C-alpha cells in the first residue's frame, strides 16, 4: 500500500510519517526541502520533492498512491495565503481524480463548517469541498486549537501574558497535534468506506483563563490571560512580518468562531483524545520559558 503524505515536517504530518514507518509502511512524502527530514528517516520513505502549488508536481507525486494524507500548509509571508490554500486544494483534487487515489484523509479545523467568514479556516472549508468532489472516500478531521500554537507566543508568555481576541471565559477545544497524527494514522491503516467528518477535540474544552492557570502551574511562571482587540492583534502580526492578507486571515480565524459559535461535531468518546495541555506544557513549553 502506498500512502502519500503532505507536510511531512509539520506538527501533524511528521507524526503520521513516523507512525507509518513504525508500522512497516514506506510512505511517499511530498516535501519542498528533503534536508528538513530527520536523517535517519530518509532511507525509510520515498521522497517526492516539489511544491504543492505546482500542479504537475502534485499530479506526478500521487500517481500509484492508494491513499493520501492531505494537510494544506500555511505561509504567513505569502501575498495571499488563502488563495494559495484554494489553489493547492484544486491541484490535490485534480491529481486524486487523475491518479484514482481511493482514500483521502484531510486535516481541517473546527470552524470550517461555517464555510465563510473564518479567515484562513475558509481555505480548509474550500479544500473540504474540493476533495469531496473527487469521488474518492474522503475522511475530514476537524481539529481543535493546537497546543503548538502557543509556541508562537513565547515572547508574550515570557512577559507573563497570554493574549487572545477571544472572551477569556469562552471554552475552546484544545488538542495536541501528536494526537491528531495518531488518529490520522490509525484511520489510514484501517481504511474506511464513503465520506465522513470526524472531530478531534482533545481531552477537554478550555477557556483562555483556565489555560493561563494551567500554563502557570506547568511552567512555574505566573501568567495572566488578557483579551486584546482584533486591531491590536493585526498590528502585532504585521510587525512580526506577516503580509496584510495573512494577518487578516489569522485575525479572521478567531473572529469567525468567537460569537455564538458551537462546533458542528459534538464532543464524544471518538472525538476526545488523551494528551493534556498540562503534560504538553510541562514537557515542551516549560524548557523554552526557562
C-alpha atoms as a PDB file:
ATOM      1  CA  UNK A   1       0.000   0.000   0.000  1.00  0.00           C
ATOM      2  CA  UNK A   2       1.352   3.403  -0.989  1.00  0.00           C
ATOM      3  CA  UNK A   3       0.329   6.275   1.288  1.00  0.00           C
ATOM      4  CA  UNK A   4       1.288   9.775   0.180  1.00  0.00           C
ATOM      5  CA  UNK A   5       1.819  12.330   2.954  1.00  0.00           C
ATOM      6  CA  UNK A   6       1.948  16.119   2.642  1.00  0.00           C
ATOM      7  CA  UNK A   7       3.563  18.385   5.267  1.00  0.00           C
ATOM      8  CA  UNK A   8       5.852  15.559   6.474  1.00  0.00           C
ATOM      9  CA  UNK A   9       7.875  18.001   8.585  1.00  0.00           C
ATOM     10  CA  UNK A  10       4.819  19.657  10.176  1.00  0.00           C
ATOM     11  CA  UNK A  11       3.369  19.111  13.639  1.00  0.00           C
ATOM     12  CA  UNK A  12       0.846  16.527  12.433  1.00  0.00           C
ATOM     13  CA  UNK A  13       2.442  15.242   9.235  1.00  0.00           C
ATOM     14  CA  UNK A  14       5.729  14.353  10.934  1.00  0.00           C
ATOM     15  CA  UNK A  15       3.846  12.236  13.458  1.00  0.00           C
ATOM     16  CA  UNK A  16       1.931  10.469  10.685  1.00  0.00           C
ATOM     17  CA  UNK A  17       5.162   9.655   8.836  1.00  0.00           C
ATOM     18  CA  UNK A  18       6.847   8.348  11.981  1.00  0.00           C
ATOM     19  CA  UNK A  19       3.920   6.102  12.903  1.00  0.00           C
ATOM     20  CA  UNK A  20       3.552   4.761   9.362  1.00  0.00           C
ATOM     21  CA  UNK A  21       7.232   3.865   9.258  1.00  0.00           C
ATOM     22  CA  UNK A  22       6.991   2.185  12.651  1.00  0.00           C
ATOM     23  CA  UNK A  23       4.006   0.216  11.339  1.00  0.00           C
ATOM     24  CA  UNK A  24       6.125  -1.119   8.480  1.00  0.00           C
ATOM     25  CA  UNK A  25       4.795   1.192   5.767  1.00  0.00           C
ATOM     26  CA  UNK A  26       7.107   3.116   3.431  1.00  0.00           C
ATOM     27  CA  UNK A  27       5.205   6.378   2.892  1.00  0.00           C
ATOM     28  CA  UNK A  28       5.732   8.708  -0.033  1.00  0.00           C
ATOM     29  CA  UNK A  29       6.448  12.150   1.418  1.00  0.00           C
ATOM     30  CA  UNK A  30       5.699  15.273  -0.604  1.00  0.00           C
ATOM     31  CA  UNK A  31       8.235  17.806   0.632  1.00  0.00           C
ATOM     32  CA  UNK A  32       9.789  21.028  -0.633  1.00  0.00           C
ATOM     33  CA  UNK A  33      13.091  20.604   1.194  1.00  0.00           C
ATOM     34  CA  UNK A  34      14.145  16.993   1.905  1.00  0.00           C
ATOM     35  CA  UNK A  35      17.003  18.275   4.072  1.00  0.00           C
ATOM     36  CA  UNK A  36      14.410  19.122   6.728  1.00  0.00           C
ATOM     37  CA  UNK A  37      13.589  15.427   7.138  1.00  0.00           C
ATOM     38  CA  UNK A  38      15.412  13.676  10.008  1.00  0.00           C
ATOM     39  CA  UNK A  39      18.493  11.944   8.542  1.00  0.00           C
ATOM     40  CA  UNK A  40      17.512   8.567   9.981  1.00  0.00           C
ATOM     41  CA  UNK A  41      14.104   8.790   8.340  1.00  0.00           C
ATOM     42  CA  UNK A  42      15.182   9.401   4.757  1.00  0.00           C
ATOM     43  CA  UNK A  43      16.082   5.775   3.880  1.00  0.00           C
ATOM     44  CA  UNK A  44      12.672   4.674   5.195  1.00  0.00           C
ATOM     45  CA  UNK A  45      10.495   6.881   2.991  1.00  0.00           C
ATOM     46  CA  UNK A  46      10.022   7.608  -0.696  1.00  0.00           C
ATOM     47  CA  UNK A  47      10.766  11.279  -1.269  1.00  0.00           C
ATOM     48  CA  UNK A  48       8.843  13.341  -3.813  1.00  0.00           C
ATOM     49  CA  UNK A  49      10.414  16.804  -3.857  1.00  0.00           C
ATOM     50  CA  UNK A  50       8.336  19.734  -5.021  1.00  0.00           C
ATOM     51  CA  UNK A  51       5.842  22.459  -4.223  1.00  0.00           C
ATOM     52  CA  UNK A  52       2.127  21.837  -3.654  1.00  0.00           C
ATOM     53  CA  UNK A  53       1.443  24.989  -5.679  1.00  0.00           C
ATOM     54  CA  UNK A  54       2.881  23.146  -8.706  1.00  0.00           C
ATOM     55  CA  UNK A  55       0.034  21.191 -10.311  1.00  0.00           C
ATOM     56  CA  UNK A  56       2.378  18.968 -12.339  1.00  0.00           C
ATOM     57  CA  UNK A  57       4.355  18.021  -9.238  1.00  0.00           C
ATOM     58  CA  UNK A  58       1.223  17.073  -7.261  1.00  0.00           C
ATOM     59  CA  UNK A  59      -0.148  15.072 -10.183  1.00  0.00           C
ATOM     60  CA  UNK A  60       3.080  13.119 -10.566  1.00  0.00           C
ATOM     61  CA  UNK A  61       3.528  12.566  -6.841  1.00  0.00           C
ATOM     62  CA  UNK A  62       0.096  10.969  -6.475  1.00  0.00           C
ATOM     63  CA  UNK A  63       0.488   8.511  -9.347  1.00  0.00           C
ATOM     64  CA  UNK A  64       0.193   4.990  -7.944  1.00  0.00           C
ATOM     65  CA  UNK A  65      -0.861   6.177  -4.478  1.00  0.00           C
ATOM     66  CA  UNK A  66      -3.604   4.220  -2.717  1.00  0.00           C
ATOM     67  CA  UNK A  67      -4.255   6.837  -0.045  1.00  0.00           C
ATOM     68  CA  UNK A  68      -3.385  10.466   0.629  1.00  0.00           C
ATOM     69  CA  UNK A  69      -2.858  12.343   3.886  1.00  0.00           C
ATOM     70  CA  UNK A  70      -3.614  15.936   2.952  1.00  0.00           C
ATOM     71  CA  UNK A  71      -2.817  18.975   5.070  1.00  0.00           C
ATOM     72  CA  UNK A  72      -2.660  22.394   3.412  1.00  0.00           C
ATOM     73  CA  UNK A  73       0.435  24.274   4.612  1.00  0.00           C
ATOM     74  CA  UNK A  74       0.011  27.921   5.549  1.00  0.00           C
ATOM     75  CA  UNK A  75       2.582  30.517   4.532  1.00  0.00           C
ATOM     76  CA  UNK A  76       2.180  33.679   6.575  1.00  0.00           C
ATOM     77  CA  UNK A  77       4.603  35.544   4.312  1.00  0.00           C
ATOM     78  CA  UNK A  78       2.748  34.673   1.098  1.00  0.00           C
ATOM     79  CA  UNK A  79       0.992  37.533  -0.719  1.00  0.00           C
ATOM     80  CA  UNK A  80      -2.352  35.714  -0.371  1.00  0.00           C
ATOM     81  CA  UNK A  81      -2.187  32.538   1.758  1.00  0.00           C
ATOM     82  CA  UNK A  82      -5.941  31.910   1.484  1.00  0.00           C
ATOM     83  CA  UNK A  83      -5.764  31.887  -2.317  1.00  0.00           C
ATOM     84  CA  UNK A  84      -2.747  29.560  -2.109  1.00  0.00           C
ATOM     85  CA  UNK A  85      -4.719  27.093   0.055  1.00  0.00           C
ATOM     86  CA  UNK A  86      -7.523  27.026  -2.511  1.00  0.00           C
ATOM     87  CA  UNK A  87      -5.029  26.550  -5.353  1.00  0.00           C
ATOM     88  CA  UNK A  88      -3.298  23.682  -3.557  1.00  0.00           C
ATOM     89  CA  UNK A  89      -6.669  22.065  -2.886  1.00  0.00           C
ATOM     90  CA  UNK A  90      -7.556  22.313  -6.565  1.00  0.00           C
ATOM     91  CA  UNK A  91      -4.265  20.650  -7.516  1.00  0.00           C
ATOM     92  CA  UNK A  92      -4.879  17.883  -4.976  1.00  0.00           C
ATOM     93  CA  UNK A  93      -8.418  17.239  -6.188  1.00  0.00           C
ATOM     94  CA  UNK A  94      -7.338  17.093  -9.827  1.00  0.00           C
ATOM     95  CA  UNK A  95      -4.443  14.744  -9.025  1.00  0.00           C
ATOM     96  CA  UNK A  96      -6.622  12.457  -6.888  1.00  0.00           C
ATOM     97  CA  UNK A  97      -9.104  12.085  -9.752  1.00  0.00           C
ATOM     98  CA  UNK A  98      -6.412  11.536 -12.380  1.00  0.00           C
ATOM     99  CA  UNK A  99      -4.469   9.004 -10.288  1.00  0.00           C
ATOM    100  CA  UNK A 100      -7.539   7.202  -8.963  1.00  0.00           C
ATOM    101  CA  UNK A 101      -6.489   7.613  -5.331  1.00  0.00           C
ATOM    102  CA  UNK A 102      -9.039   5.608  -3.363  1.00  0.00           C
ATOM    103  CA  UNK A 103      -8.910   7.373   0.016  1.00  0.00           C
ATOM    104  CA  UNK A 104      -8.056  10.875   1.188  1.00  0.00           C
ATOM    105  CA  UNK A 105      -7.694  11.932   4.804  1.00  0.00           C
ATOM    106  CA  UNK A 106      -7.815  15.718   5.150  1.00  0.00           C
ATOM    107  CA  UNK A 107      -6.790  17.798   8.141  1.00  0.00           C
ATOM    108  CA  UNK A 108      -9.329  20.582   8.619  1.00  0.00           C
ATOM    109  CA  UNK A 109     -10.398  22.743  11.543  1.00  0.00           C
ATOM    110  CA  UNK A 110     -13.256  23.443  13.860  1.00  0.00           C
ATOM    111  CA  UNK A 111     -14.957  26.415  12.214  1.00  0.00           C
ATOM    112  CA  UNK A 112     -14.774  25.036   8.673  1.00  0.00           C
ATOM    113  CA  UNK A 113     -18.459  24.181   8.968  1.00  0.00           C
ATOM    114  CA  UNK A 114     -19.134  27.923   8.679  1.00  0.00           C
ATOM    115  CA  UNK A 115     -17.705  27.787   5.120  1.00  0.00           C
ATOM    116  CA  UNK A 116     -17.250  31.582   5.018  1.00  0.00           C
ATOM    117  CA  UNK A 117     -16.204  34.280   7.462  1.00  0.00           C
ATOM    118  CA  UNK A 118     -13.499  32.482   9.450  1.00  0.00           C
ATOM    119  CA  UNK A 119     -10.284  33.770   7.902  1.00  0.00           C
ATOM    120  CA  UNK A 120      -7.797  31.131   6.813  1.00  0.00           C
ATOM    121  CA  UNK A 121     -10.184  28.422   8.006  1.00  0.00           C
ATOM    122  CA  UNK A 122     -12.221  29.322   4.929  1.00  0.00           C
ATOM    123  CA  UNK A 123      -9.408  27.788   2.878  1.00  0.00           C
ATOM    124  CA  UNK A 124      -9.818  24.490   4.711  1.00  0.00           C
ATOM    125  CA  UNK A 125     -13.568  24.637   4.146  1.00  0.00           C
ATOM    126  CA  UNK A 126     -12.967  25.091   0.428  1.00  0.00           C
ATOM    127  CA  UNK A 127     -10.487  22.185   0.483  1.00  0.00           C
ATOM    128  CA  UNK A 128     -13.181  20.012   2.072  1.00  0.00           C
ATOM    129  CA  UNK A 129     -15.490  20.740  -0.860  1.00  0.00           C
ATOM    130  CA  UNK A 130     -12.739  20.230  -3.437  1.00  0.00           C
ATOM    131  CA  UNK A 131     -11.679  16.842  -2.079  1.00  0.00           C
ATOM    132  CA  UNK A 132     -15.211  15.554  -1.548  1.00  0.00           C
ATOM    133  CA  UNK A 133     -15.853  16.319  -5.204  1.00  0.00           C
ATOM    134  CA  UNK A 134     -13.204  13.839  -6.364  1.00  0.00           C
ATOM    135  CA  UNK A 135     -15.300  10.707  -5.884  1.00  0.00           C
ATOM    136  CA  UNK A 136     -12.697   9.262  -3.503  1.00  0.00           C
ATOM    137  CA  UNK A 137     -13.558   8.098   0.012  1.00  0.00           C
ATOM    138  CA  UNK A 138     -12.745  11.250   2.000  1.00  0.00           C
ATOM    139  CA  UNK A 139     -12.358  11.463   5.762  1.00  0.00           C
ATOM    140  CA  UNK A 140     -12.129  15.015   7.097  1.00  0.00           C
ATOM    141  CA  UNK A 141     -10.713  15.557  10.574  1.00  0.00           C
ATOM    142  CA  UNK A 142     -11.956  18.842  12.017  1.00  0.00           C
ATOM    143  CA  UNK A 143      -9.462  19.592  14.736  1.00  0.00           C
ATOM    144  CA  UNK A 144      -9.407  21.898  17.717  1.00  0.00           C
ATOM    145  CA  UNK A 145      -6.892  24.594  18.618  1.00  0.00           C
ATOM    146  CA  UNK A 146      -3.348  23.204  18.513  1.00  0.00           C
ATOM    147  CA  UNK A 147      -1.297  23.266  21.716  1.00  0.00           C
ATOM    148  CA  UNK A 148       1.659  24.141  19.492  1.00  0.00           C
ATOM    149  CA  UNK A 149       0.096  27.489  18.550  1.00  0.00           C
ATOM    150  CA  UNK A 150       1.401  28.636  21.938  1.00  0.00           C
ATOM    151  CA  UNK A 151       4.941  28.324  20.580  1.00  0.00           C
ATOM    152  CA  UNK A 152       4.279  31.437  18.521  1.00  0.00           C
ATOM    153  CA  UNK A 153       3.557  33.404  21.711  1.00  0.00           C
ATOM    154  CA  UNK A 154       6.824  32.790  23.566  1.00  0.00           C
ATOM    155  CA  UNK A 155       7.798  36.446  23.939  1.00  0.00           C
ATOM    156  CA  UNK A 156       4.446  37.344  25.457  1.00  0.00           C
ATOM    157  CA  UNK A 157       4.492  34.280  27.694  1.00  0.00           C
ATOM    158  CA  UNK A 158       7.968  35.211  28.940  1.00  0.00           C
ATOM    159  CA  UNK A 159       6.478  38.596  29.837  1.00  0.00           C
ATOM    160  CA  UNK A 160       3.740  36.835  31.803  1.00  0.00           C
ATOM    161  CA  UNK A 161       0.857  37.491  29.420  1.00  0.00           C
ATOM    162  CA  UNK A 162      -1.343  35.128  27.390  1.00  0.00           C
ATOM    163  CA  UNK A 163      -3.169  37.240  24.810  1.00  0.00           C
ATOM    164  CA  UNK A 164      -6.231  36.389  22.739  1.00  0.00           C
ATOM    165  CA  UNK A 165      -9.062  38.140  20.956  1.00  0.00           C
ATOM    166  CA  UNK A 166     -11.474  35.567  22.400  1.00  0.00           C
ATOM    167  CA  UNK A 167     -13.551  36.304  25.510  1.00  0.00           C
ATOM    168  CA  UNK A 168     -11.491  34.909  28.360  1.00  0.00           C
ATOM    169  CA  UNK A 169     -14.309  32.692  29.625  1.00  0.00           C
ATOM    170  CA  UNK A 170     -15.297  31.214  26.240  1.00  0.00           C
ATOM    171  CA  UNK A 171     -14.499  27.479  26.065  1.00  0.00           C
ATOM    172  CA  UNK A 172     -12.480  26.158  23.146  1.00  0.00           C
ATOM    173  CA  UNK A 173     -11.393  22.694  22.075  1.00  0.00           C
ATOM    174  CA  UNK A 174      -7.607  22.344  22.575  1.00  0.00           C
ATOM    175  CA  UNK A 175      -5.687  19.410  21.093  1.00  0.00           C
ATOM    176  CA  UNK A 176      -2.147  18.057  20.897  1.00  0.00           C
ATOM    177  CA  UNK A 177      -1.106  17.688  17.217  1.00  0.00           C
ATOM    178  CA  UNK A 178       0.517  14.366  18.142  1.00  0.00           C
ATOM    179  CA  UNK A 179      -2.937  13.014  18.962  1.00  0.00           C
ATOM    180  CA  UNK A 180      -4.208  14.192  15.586  1.00  0.00           C
ATOM    181  CA  UNK A 181      -1.323  12.305  13.999  1.00  0.00           C
ATOM    182  CA  UNK A 182      -2.250   9.144  15.892  1.00  0.00           C
ATOM    183  CA  UNK A 183      -5.909   9.354  14.853  1.00  0.00           C
ATOM    184  CA  UNK A 184      -4.889  10.046  11.249  1.00  0.00           C
ATOM    185  CA  UNK A 185      -2.504   7.100  11.087  1.00  0.00           C
ATOM    186  CA  UNK A 186      -4.964   4.693  12.665  1.00  0.00           C
ATOM    187  CA  UNK A 187      -7.615   5.632  10.107  1.00  0.00           C
ATOM    188  CA  UNK A 188      -5.182   5.484   7.178  1.00  0.00           C
ATOM    189  CA  UNK A 189      -4.058   1.991   8.151  1.00  0.00           C
ATOM    190  CA  UNK A 190      -7.539   0.677   8.934  1.00  0.00           C
ATOM    191  CA  UNK A 191      -9.240   2.230   5.913  1.00  0.00           C
ATOM    192  CA  UNK A 192     -12.854   3.349   5.557  1.00  0.00           C
ATOM    193  CA  UNK A 193     -15.651   3.497   3.008  1.00  0.00           C
ATOM    194  CA  UNK A 194     -17.549   6.564   1.926  1.00  0.00           C
ATOM    195  CA  UNK A 195     -17.047  10.129   3.099  1.00  0.00           C
ATOM    196  CA  UNK A 196     -17.287  11.348   6.666  1.00  0.00           C
ATOM    197  CA  UNK A 197     -16.297  14.131   9.044  1.00  0.00           C
ATOM    198  CA  UNK A 198     -14.727  13.296  12.394  1.00  0.00           C
ATOM    199  CA  UNK A 199     -13.796  15.759  15.126  1.00  0.00           C
ATOM    200  CA  UNK A 200     -10.528  15.676  17.068  1.00  0.00           C
ATOM    201  CA  UNK A 201     -11.272  17.776  20.132  1.00  0.00           C
ATOM    202  CA  UNK A 202      -8.506  16.973  22.600  1.00  0.00           C
ATOM    203  CA  UNK A 203      -9.235  15.946  26.203  1.00  0.00           C
ATOM    204  CA  UNK A 204     -11.270  18.953  27.367  1.00  0.00           C
ATOM    205  CA  UNK A 205     -12.774  22.294  26.373  1.00  0.00           C
ATOM    206  CA  UNK A 206     -10.727  25.080  27.968  1.00  0.00           C
ATOM    207  CA  UNK A 207     -11.264  28.809  28.383  1.00  0.00           C
ATOM    208  CA  UNK A 208      -8.292  31.139  27.988  1.00  0.00           C
ATOM    209  CA  UNK A 209      -8.452  31.939  31.694  1.00  0.00           C
ATOM    210  CA  UNK A 210      -8.179  28.266  32.561  1.00  0.00           C
ATOM    211  CA  UNK A 211      -5.359  27.840  30.027  1.00  0.00           C
ATOM    212  CA  UNK A 212      -3.416  30.629  31.756  1.00  0.00           C
ATOM    213  CA  UNK A 213      -3.837  28.833  35.088  1.00  0.00           C
ATOM    214  CA  UNK A 214      -2.748  25.503  33.583  1.00  0.00           C
ATOM    215  CA  UNK A 215       0.323  27.026  31.962  1.00  0.00           C
ATOM    216  CA  UNK A 216       1.246  28.873  35.146  1.00  0.00           C
ATOM    217  CA  UNK A 217       1.223  25.662  37.146  1.00  0.00           C
ATOM    218  CA  UNK A 218       3.045  23.626  34.496  1.00  0.00           C
ATOM    219  CA  UNK A 219       5.785  26.144  33.721  1.00  0.00           C
ATOM    220  CA  UNK A 220       6.257  27.692  37.148  1.00  0.00           C
ATOM    221  CA  UNK A 221       5.750  31.161  35.646  1.00  0.00           C
ATOM    222  CA  UNK A 222       2.716  33.277  36.657  1.00  0.00           C
ATOM    223  CA  UNK A 223       0.641  34.026  33.556  1.00  0.00           C
ATOM    224  CA  UNK A 224      -2.329  36.329  33.130  1.00  0.00           C
ATOM    225  CA  UNK A 225      -4.838  35.920  30.291  1.00  0.00           C
ATOM    226  CA  UNK A 226      -5.581  39.195  28.526  1.00  0.00           C
ATOM    227  CA  UNK A 227      -8.167  39.898  25.833  1.00  0.00           C
ATOM    228  CA  UNK A 228      -6.983  42.238  23.091  1.00  0.00           C
ATOM    229  CA  UNK A 229      -8.776  43.740  20.119  1.00  0.00           C
ATOM    230  CA  UNK A 230      -8.689  42.458  16.564  1.00  0.00           C
ATOM    231  CA  UNK A 231      -6.857  45.633  15.537  1.00  0.00           C
ATOM    232  CA  UNK A 232      -4.196  45.094  18.209  1.00  0.00           C
ATOM    233  CA  UNK A 233      -3.631  41.541  17.011  1.00  0.00           C
ATOM    234  CA  UNK A 234      -3.488  42.638  13.385  1.00  0.00           C
ATOM    235  CA  UNK A 235      -0.888  45.289  14.219  1.00  0.00           C
ATOM    236  CA  UNK A 236       1.232  42.784  16.147  1.00  0.00           C
ATOM    237  CA  UNK A 237       1.113  40.303  13.283  1.00  0.00           C
ATOM    238  CA  UNK A 238       2.129  42.943  10.735  1.00  0.00           C
ATOM    239  CA  UNK A 239       5.027  43.979  12.971  1.00  0.00           C
ATOM    240  CA  UNK A 240       6.073  40.320  13.136  1.00  0.00           C
ATOM    241  CA  UNK A 241       6.401  40.248   9.341  1.00  0.00           C
ATOM    242  CA  UNK A 242       3.094  38.736   8.195  1.00  0.00           C
ATOM    243  CA  UNK A 243       1.639  40.070   4.982  1.00  0.00           C
ATOM    244  CA  UNK A 244      -1.595  42.034   5.278  1.00  0.00           C
ATOM    245  CA  UNK A 245      -3.734  39.202   3.804  1.00  0.00           C
ATOM    246  CA  UNK A 246      -2.072  36.694   6.141  1.00  0.00           C
ATOM    247  CA  UNK A 247      -2.660  38.906   9.168  1.00  0.00           C
ATOM    248  CA  UNK A 248      -6.301  39.366   8.151  1.00  0.00           C
ATOM    249  CA  UNK A 249      -6.629  35.603   7.739  1.00  0.00           C
ATOM    250  CA  UNK A 250      -5.270  34.910  11.225  1.00  0.00           C
ATOM    251  CA  UNK A 251      -7.463  37.568  12.820  1.00  0.00           C
ATOM    252  CA  UNK A 252     -10.457  36.169  10.953  1.00  0.00           C
ATOM    253  CA  UNK A 253      -9.939  32.652  12.310  1.00  0.00           C
ATOM    254  CA  UNK A 254     -10.731  33.827  15.835  1.00  0.00           C
ATOM    255  CA  UNK A 255     -13.256  36.485  14.859  1.00  0.00           C
ATOM    256  CA  UNK A 256     -15.239  33.968  12.824  1.00  0.00           C
ATOM    257  CA  UNK A 257     -15.522  31.462  15.684  1.00  0.00           C
ATOM    258  CA  UNK A 258     -15.909  33.920  18.551  1.00  0.00           C
ATOM    259  CA  UNK A 259     -19.561  34.871  18.861  1.00  0.00           C
ATOM    260  CA  UNK A 260     -22.271  32.263  19.453  1.00  0.00           C
ATOM    261  CA  UNK A 261     -20.263  29.554  17.718  1.00  0.00           C
ATOM    262  CA  UNK A 262     -20.631  25.880  18.614  1.00  0.00           C
ATOM    263  CA  UNK A 263     -18.687  23.170  16.762  1.00  0.00           C
ATOM    264  CA  UNK A 264     -20.877  21.105  14.463  1.00  0.00           C
ATOM    265  CA  UNK A 265     -19.243  17.884  15.694  1.00  0.00           C
ATOM    266  CA  UNK A 266     -20.035  17.320  19.355  1.00  0.00           C
ATOM    267  CA  UNK A 267     -17.554  16.087  21.919  1.00  0.00           C
ATOM    268  CA  UNK A 268     -17.929  12.345  22.446  1.00  0.00           C
ATOM    269  CA  UNK A 269     -15.752   9.291  23.053  1.00  0.00           C
ATOM    270  CA  UNK A 270     -14.464   9.227  19.477  1.00  0.00           C
ATOM    271  CA  UNK A 271     -13.586  12.924  19.276  1.00  0.00           C
ATOM    272  CA  UNK A 272     -11.898  13.086  22.700  1.00  0.00           C
ATOM    273  CA  UNK A 273      -8.146  12.429  22.668  1.00  0.00           C
ATOM    274  CA  UNK A 274      -5.942  11.784  25.710  1.00  0.00           C
ATOM    275  CA  UNK A 275      -2.960  14.159  25.763  1.00  0.00           C
ATOM    276  CA  UNK A 276      -3.472  17.001  28.237  1.00  0.00           C
ATOM    277  CA  UNK A 277      -2.323  20.591  27.976  1.00  0.00           C
ATOM    278  CA  UNK A 278      -0.735  20.226  31.424  1.00  0.00           C
ATOM    279  CA  UNK A 279       1.575  17.430  30.277  1.00  0.00           C
ATOM    280  CA  UNK A 280       2.434  19.126  26.982  1.00  0.00           C
ATOM    281  CA  UNK A 281       3.218  22.430  28.698  1.00  0.00           C
ATOM    282  CA  UNK A 282       5.470  20.764  31.263  1.00  0.00           C
ATOM    283  CA  UNK A 283       7.495  18.776  28.743  1.00  0.00           C
ATOM    284  CA  UNK A 284       7.518  21.185  25.782  1.00  0.00           C
ATOM    285  CA  UNK A 285       6.751  24.750  26.912  1.00  0.00           C
ATOM    286  CA  UNK A 286       8.436  24.816  30.322  1.00  0.00           C
ATOM    287  CA  UNK A 287      12.002  24.301  28.975  1.00  0.00           C
ATOM    288  CA  UNK A 288      11.507  27.062  26.408  1.00  0.00           C
ATOM    289  CA  UNK A 289      10.467  29.577  29.054  1.00  0.00           C
ATOM    290  CA  UNK A 290      13.289  28.851  31.483  1.00  0.00           C
END
